[in-house]
Amino acid sequence: MSLVAGIYGDMGNGSTDNIPGGREGAIGCYDSTRQEFWLFGGNGYASNYTYGYLNDLWKYRVIDSTWTWVSGSNGVNHPGDYAGETSVPSRSGGVGWFDSSTQEFWVFGGFGPGNSYYNDLWKYQVNGNSWNFVSGGKNQRGNNGVKEQATATNIPGSRSGAAGFYDSTNQEFWMFGGYGYGRTSSKGFLNDLWRYRVSDNTWTWISGSDTVDQPGVYGVRGVAHPSNVPGGRRGAAAWYDSSKQEFWLFGGYYYYDYSVGAYFCGTVE
């Protein structure tokens, strides 16, 4: 397999010659029209075949098949800038979403240089061409608070490989599991479900455990029960059914060291 370096061109100018470098663990999402696809970070190749963690933001336009380098570095392992709120640290395995109503791209968590696990939340404002640091940091324990109670001090622990999805309004973001920190300093596989609400900038711990490496409670197949819960995992697939207010979760890498082959469906009412 050949190595693919990024061709960045000029920042802000789309071209059919531009292309992001080969990578894994990037955050990808599309706008409401599905005519623009957004891509951030990952672990792979920047320009000149340099390899490492990335913090570049790209936009792909379907109408003219062009990539545009929008923001971030064309190098690797960028430390970011929390104080100036101008750039996100390079990372892989984060989660994110694009809010078409406000033209904002959101990024949460991941893993980066220096064995750093992140729980920082950032948003990129397309109209202002600027990043804004919202909350969190790196290598932090979770502050779960009380289940189903939103407070300004709640925040998930730092993690990578979480499953993320948003509702039909783009105003509520949901996140499950990953590998990182719960309420304690021990890292492991997580099975906590969180909701972030844009309107008041609050996290709510909804379900699951605040500790790591919890096994799943399967119950009876096809029968919902309040005690059922997926086990701790990273790299699961997830999606959201806005018409039924249900989220779906499939697979992932489990702390017993085998791949989980089960569907879970939960309501968010």
Protein backbone atom coordinates (compact mmCIF):
# COMPACT_ATOMS: atom_id res chain seq x y z
CA MET A 1 0.00 0.00 0.00
CA SER A 2 1.43 3.37 -1.02
CA LEU A 3 1.78 6.26 1.43
CA VAL A 4 -0.49 9.21 0.70
CA ALA A 5 0.66 12.67 1.77
CA GLY A 6 -1.71 15.59 1.97
CA ILE A 7 -1.86 18.21 -0.78
CA TYR A 8 -3.04 21.30 1.08
CA GLY A 9 -2.86 24.10 -1.45
CA ASP A 10 -3.73 27.56 -0.11
CA MET A 11 -5.81 27.71 3.06
CA GLY A 12 -9.39 28.68 2.25
CA ASN A 13 -9.14 27.98 -1.49
CA GLY A 14 -10.75 24.85 -2.88
CA SER A 15 -9.09 22.90 -5.68
CA THR A 16 -9.47 19.56 -7.40
CA ASP A 17 -5.73 19.08 -6.75
CA ASN A 18 -6.14 19.30 -2.97
CA ILE A 19 -6.59 16.16 -0.88
CA PRO A 20 -6.17 15.27 2.80
CA GLY A 21 -3.39 12.81 3.61
CA GLY A 22 -4.15 9.19 4.45
CA ARG A 23 -5.31 8.86 8.07
CA GLU A 24 -7.35 6.95 10.61
CA GLY A 25 -9.39 8.08 13.60
CA ALA A 26 -10.56 11.35 11.98
CA ILE A 27 -13.85 13.07 12.77
CA GLY A 28 -16.15 13.26 9.76
CA CYS A 29 -19.62 14.72 9.36
CA TYR A 30 -21.79 16.40 6.73
CA ASP A 31 -24.12 19.40 6.67
CA SER A 32 -27.92 19.14 6.49
CA THR A 33 -27.91 19.22 2.67
CA ARG A 34 -25.29 16.45 2.52
CA GLN A 35 -23.53 18.51 -0.13
CA GLU A 36 -20.60 19.45 2.09
CA PHE A 37 -18.52 16.98 4.08
CA TRP A 38 -16.28 18.11 6.96
CA LEU A 39 -13.18 16.25 8.15
CA PHE A 40 -10.96 16.94 11.16
CA GLY A 41 -7.69 15.46 12.42
CA GLY A 42 -6.80 11.82 12.85
CA ASN A 43 -3.53 9.93 12.89
CA GLY A 44 -1.73 9.88 9.56
CA TYR A 45 0.12 11.91 6.94
CA ALA A 46 0.31 15.67 6.62
CA SER A 47 2.31 17.39 3.86
CA ASN A 48 5.76 16.09 2.84
CA TYR A 49 4.90 12.62 4.18
CA THR A 50 5.27 13.68 7.82
CA TYR A 51 3.39 11.20 10.03
CA GLY A 52 1.68 11.84 13.35
CA TYR A 53 -1.41 13.33 14.95
CA LEU A 54 -3.26 15.92 12.87
CA ASN A 55 -5.40 18.98 13.62
CA ASP A 56 -6.29 20.03 10.09
CA LEU A 57 -9.90 20.86 9.19
CA TRP A 58 -11.10 20.15 5.65
CA LYS A 59 -14.29 20.68 3.64
CA TYR A 60 -15.32 18.63 0.62
CA ARG A 61 -17.91 20.09 -1.78
CA VAL A 62 -19.90 17.56 -3.77
CA ILE A 63 -21.01 20.05 -6.44
CA ASP A 64 -17.48 20.60 -7.79
CA SER A 65 -15.55 17.70 -6.21
CA THR A 66 -13.12 19.99 -4.40
CA TRP A 67 -11.31 19.73 -1.09
CA THR A 68 -10.56 22.93 0.85
CA TRP A 69 -8.03 23.17 3.67
CA VAL A 70 -10.04 25.31 6.09
CA SER A 71 -8.03 25.52 9.32
CA GLY A 72 -5.26 23.94 11.39
CA SER A 73 -1.70 22.94 10.59
CA ASN A 74 -0.29 21.12 7.56
CA GLY A 75 2.19 19.49 9.96
CA VAL A 76 1.76 16.97 12.77
CA ASN A 77 1.61 16.85 16.58
CA HIS A 78 0.44 20.43 17.02
CA PRO A 79 0.06 21.37 20.74
CA GLY A 80 -2.96 23.60 20.18
CA ASP A 81 -3.70 26.83 21.97
CA TYR A 82 -6.10 26.76 24.92
CA ALA A 83 -5.19 30.22 26.21
CA GLY A 84 -5.71 31.98 22.91
CA GLU A 85 -8.56 29.65 21.92
CA THR A 86 -7.21 29.63 18.37
CA SER A 87 -6.33 26.00 17.55
CA VAL A 88 -7.30 22.50 18.64
CA PRO A 89 -4.50 20.14 19.75
CA SER A 90 -3.80 17.36 17.25
CA ARG A 91 -5.68 14.13 17.95
CA SER A 92 -7.22 10.90 16.78
CA GLY A 93 -10.39 9.13 17.95
CA GLY A 94 -12.47 12.19 18.86
CA VAL A 95 -16.17 12.70 18.16
CA GLY A 96 -17.98 15.65 16.65
CA TRP A 97 -20.90 17.06 14.69
CA PHE A 98 -21.80 19.90 12.35
CA ASP A 99 -24.60 22.33 13.22
CA SER A 100 -25.98 23.56 9.90
CA SER A 101 -28.27 26.11 11.54
CA THR A 102 -25.37 28.04 13.08
CA GLN A 103 -22.61 26.88 10.70
CA GLU A 104 -20.53 25.49 13.56
CA PHE A 105 -18.33 22.38 13.63
CA TRP A 106 -17.91 20.78 17.08
CA VAL A 107 -15.07 18.55 18.33
CA PHE A 108 -14.82 16.60 21.60
CA GLY A 109 -12.11 14.36 23.05
CA GLY A 110 -9.65 11.95 21.46
CA PHE A 111 -6.04 10.86 21.97
CA GLY A 112 -2.93 12.80 21.02
CA PRO A 113 0.81 13.29 21.47
CA GLY A 114 2.37 12.72 24.88
CA ASN A 115 -0.15 10.01 25.82
CA SER A 116 -2.83 12.69 26.12
CA TYR A 117 -6.50 11.77 26.49
CA TYR A 118 -8.77 14.74 25.87
CA ASN A 119 -12.19 15.80 27.13
CA ASP A 120 -12.02 19.29 25.66
CA LEU A 121 -14.94 20.67 23.69
CA TRP A 122 -14.27 23.05 20.80
CA LYS A 123 -16.40 24.68 18.13
CA TYR A 124 -15.34 26.11 14.80
CA GLN A 125 -17.45 29.02 13.55
CA VAL A 126 -17.49 28.91 9.75
CA ASN A 127 -18.71 32.48 9.31
CA GLY A 128 -16.04 33.87 11.61
CA ASN A 129 -13.33 31.44 10.51
CA SER A 130 -12.33 30.87 14.14
CA TRP A 131 -12.06 28.14 16.79
CA ASN A 132 -13.54 28.65 20.26
CA PHE A 133 -12.50 26.59 23.30
CA VAL A 134 -15.66 25.74 25.26
CA SER A 135 -14.66 23.47 28.18
CA GLY A 136 -12.52 20.57 29.41
CA GLY A 137 -8.84 19.78 28.96
CA LYS A 138 -6.68 16.64 28.89
CA ASN A 139 -6.12 13.61 31.15
CA GLN A 140 -9.03 14.65 33.35
CA ARG A 141 -11.35 12.51 35.44
CA GLY A 142 -15.06 12.81 34.86
CA ASN A 143 -17.27 14.97 37.03
CA ASN A 144 -20.48 13.01 36.56
CA GLY A 145 -22.74 14.69 39.06
CA VAL A 146 -26.16 13.02 39.49
CA LYS A 147 -27.76 10.99 36.73
CA GLU A 148 -30.20 12.96 34.55
CA GLN A 149 -29.36 16.25 36.26
CA ALA A 150 -27.60 18.86 34.16
CA THR A 151 -25.19 21.25 35.90
CA ALA A 152 -22.48 23.59 34.70
CA THR A 153 -19.81 21.53 36.53
CA ASN A 154 -20.62 18.16 34.91
CA ILE A 155 -18.16 16.89 32.31
CA PRO A 156 -17.26 13.46 30.89
CA GLY A 157 -13.80 12.11 31.64
CA SER A 158 -11.10 12.33 28.97
CA ARG A 159 -11.44 9.56 26.38
CA SER A 160 -10.83 8.27 22.89
CA GLY A 161 -12.97 6.09 20.64
CA ALA A 162 -16.37 7.14 21.97
CA ALA A 163 -19.51 6.74 19.84
CA GLY A 164 -21.22 10.05 19.12
CA PHE A 165 -24.45 11.18 17.47
CA TYR A 166 -26.76 14.20 17.53
CA ASP A 167 -30.50 14.79 17.40
CA SER A 168 -32.42 16.22 14.45
CA THR A 169 -32.07 19.81 15.74
CA ASN A 170 -28.27 19.57 16.16
CA GLN A 171 -28.79 21.15 19.59
CA GLU A 172 -28.29 17.98 21.61
CA PHE A 173 -25.23 15.80 21.20
CA TRP A 174 -25.12 12.27 22.62
CA MET A 175 -21.99 10.26 23.44
CA PHE A 176 -21.40 6.72 24.65
CA GLY A 177 -18.32 5.01 26.07
CA GLY A 178 -14.77 5.03 24.73
CA TYR A 179 -11.45 4.34 26.45
CA GLY A 180 -10.23 6.74 29.11
CA TYR A 181 -11.21 8.11 32.50
CA GLY A 182 -14.41 7.74 34.47
CA ARG A 183 -14.78 9.39 37.85
CA THR A 184 -11.49 7.86 39.05
CA SER A 185 -7.87 8.11 37.88
CA SER A 186 -7.85 4.58 36.43
CA LYS A 187 -8.19 4.37 32.64
CA GLY A 188 -10.33 1.69 31.05
CA PHE A 189 -13.30 0.95 28.84
CA LEU A 190 -16.33 3.14 29.53
CA ASN A 191 -20.07 2.52 29.19
CA ASP A 192 -21.41 5.91 30.26
CA LEU A 193 -23.99 7.74 28.15
CA TRP A 194 -23.86 11.56 28.10
CA ARG A 195 -25.86 14.39 26.57
CA TYR A 196 -24.48 17.83 25.74
CA ARG A 197 -27.02 20.63 25.35
CA VAL A 198 -25.86 23.57 23.25
CA SER A 199 -28.45 26.05 24.54
CA ASP A 200 -27.07 26.17 28.10
CA ASN A 201 -23.62 24.55 27.60
CA THR A 202 -24.31 21.66 30.00
CA TRP A 203 -23.37 17.98 30.11
CA THR A 204 -25.76 15.43 31.64
CA TRP A 205 -24.79 11.91 32.70
CA ILE A 206 -27.74 9.84 31.48
CA SER A 207 -26.90 6.16 31.93
CA GLY A 208 -24.15 3.61 32.55
CA SER A 209 -21.40 3.54 35.16
CA ASP A 210 -18.97 6.21 36.34
CA THR A 211 -16.24 3.56 36.65
CA VAL A 212 -14.36 1.62 33.95
CA ASP A 213 -14.42 -1.95 32.61
CA GLN A 214 -18.04 -2.68 33.39
CA PRO A 215 -19.61 -5.80 31.79
CA GLY A 216 -22.85 -5.52 29.86
CA VAL A 217 -26.25 -6.45 31.28
CA TYR A 218 -28.06 -7.98 28.30
CA GLY A 219 -31.35 -9.10 29.81
CA VAL A 220 -33.76 -10.85 27.43
CA ARG A 221 -33.12 -10.28 23.72
CA GLY A 222 -35.65 -7.87 22.25
CA VAL A 223 -37.08 -6.89 25.64
CA ALA A 224 -36.27 -3.45 27.05
CA HIS A 225 -35.50 -3.19 30.77
CA PRO A 226 -34.13 -0.35 32.94
CA SER A 227 -31.26 -2.55 34.17
CA ASN A 228 -29.99 -3.41 30.67
CA VAL A 229 -26.81 -1.61 29.65
CA PRO A 230 -24.04 -2.23 27.09
CA GLY A 231 -20.63 -3.12 28.49
CA GLY A 232 -17.65 -0.76 28.38
CA ARG A 233 -16.14 -0.43 24.87
CA ARG A 234 -14.44 1.81 22.35
CA GLY A 235 -14.89 2.10 18.60
CA ALA A 236 -18.60 1.23 18.50
CA ALA A 237 -20.90 2.43 15.72
CA ALA A 238 -23.92 4.51 16.69
CA TRP A 239 -26.82 6.30 15.03
CA TYR A 240 -29.95 8.17 16.06
CA ASP A 241 -33.57 7.81 14.95
CA SER A 242 -35.10 11.25 15.46
CA SER A 243 -38.62 10.10 14.57
CA LYS A 244 -38.67 7.51 17.37
CA GLN A 245 -36.26 9.23 19.78
CA GLU A 246 -34.08 6.13 19.84
CA PHE A 247 -30.33 5.69 19.56
CA TRP A 248 -28.69 2.52 18.29
CA LEU A 249 -25.29 1.07 19.16
CA PHE A 250 -23.38 -1.75 17.47
CA GLY A 251 -20.15 -3.56 18.26
CA GLY A 252 -16.87 -2.09 19.40
CA TYR A 253 -13.81 -3.35 21.26
CA TYR A 254 -14.72 -4.75 24.67
CA TYR A 255 -12.58 -4.91 27.77
CA TYR A 256 -12.66 -8.72 27.74
CA ASP A 257 -10.55 -8.45 24.56
CA TYR A 258 -13.01 -9.69 21.98
CA SER A 259 -15.26 -7.97 19.49
CA VAL A 260 -18.83 -7.54 20.65
CA GLY A 261 -21.42 -8.58 18.06
CA ALA A 262 -24.67 -7.29 19.49
CA TYR A 263 -27.12 -4.50 18.82
CA PHE A 264 -28.39 -2.29 21.61
CA CYS A 265 -31.25 0.15 21.21
CA GLY A 266 -32.24 2.70 23.83
CA THR A 267 -34.79 5.48 24.06
CA VAL A 268 -33.77 9.01 24.96
CA GLU A 269 -37.13 10.08 26.37
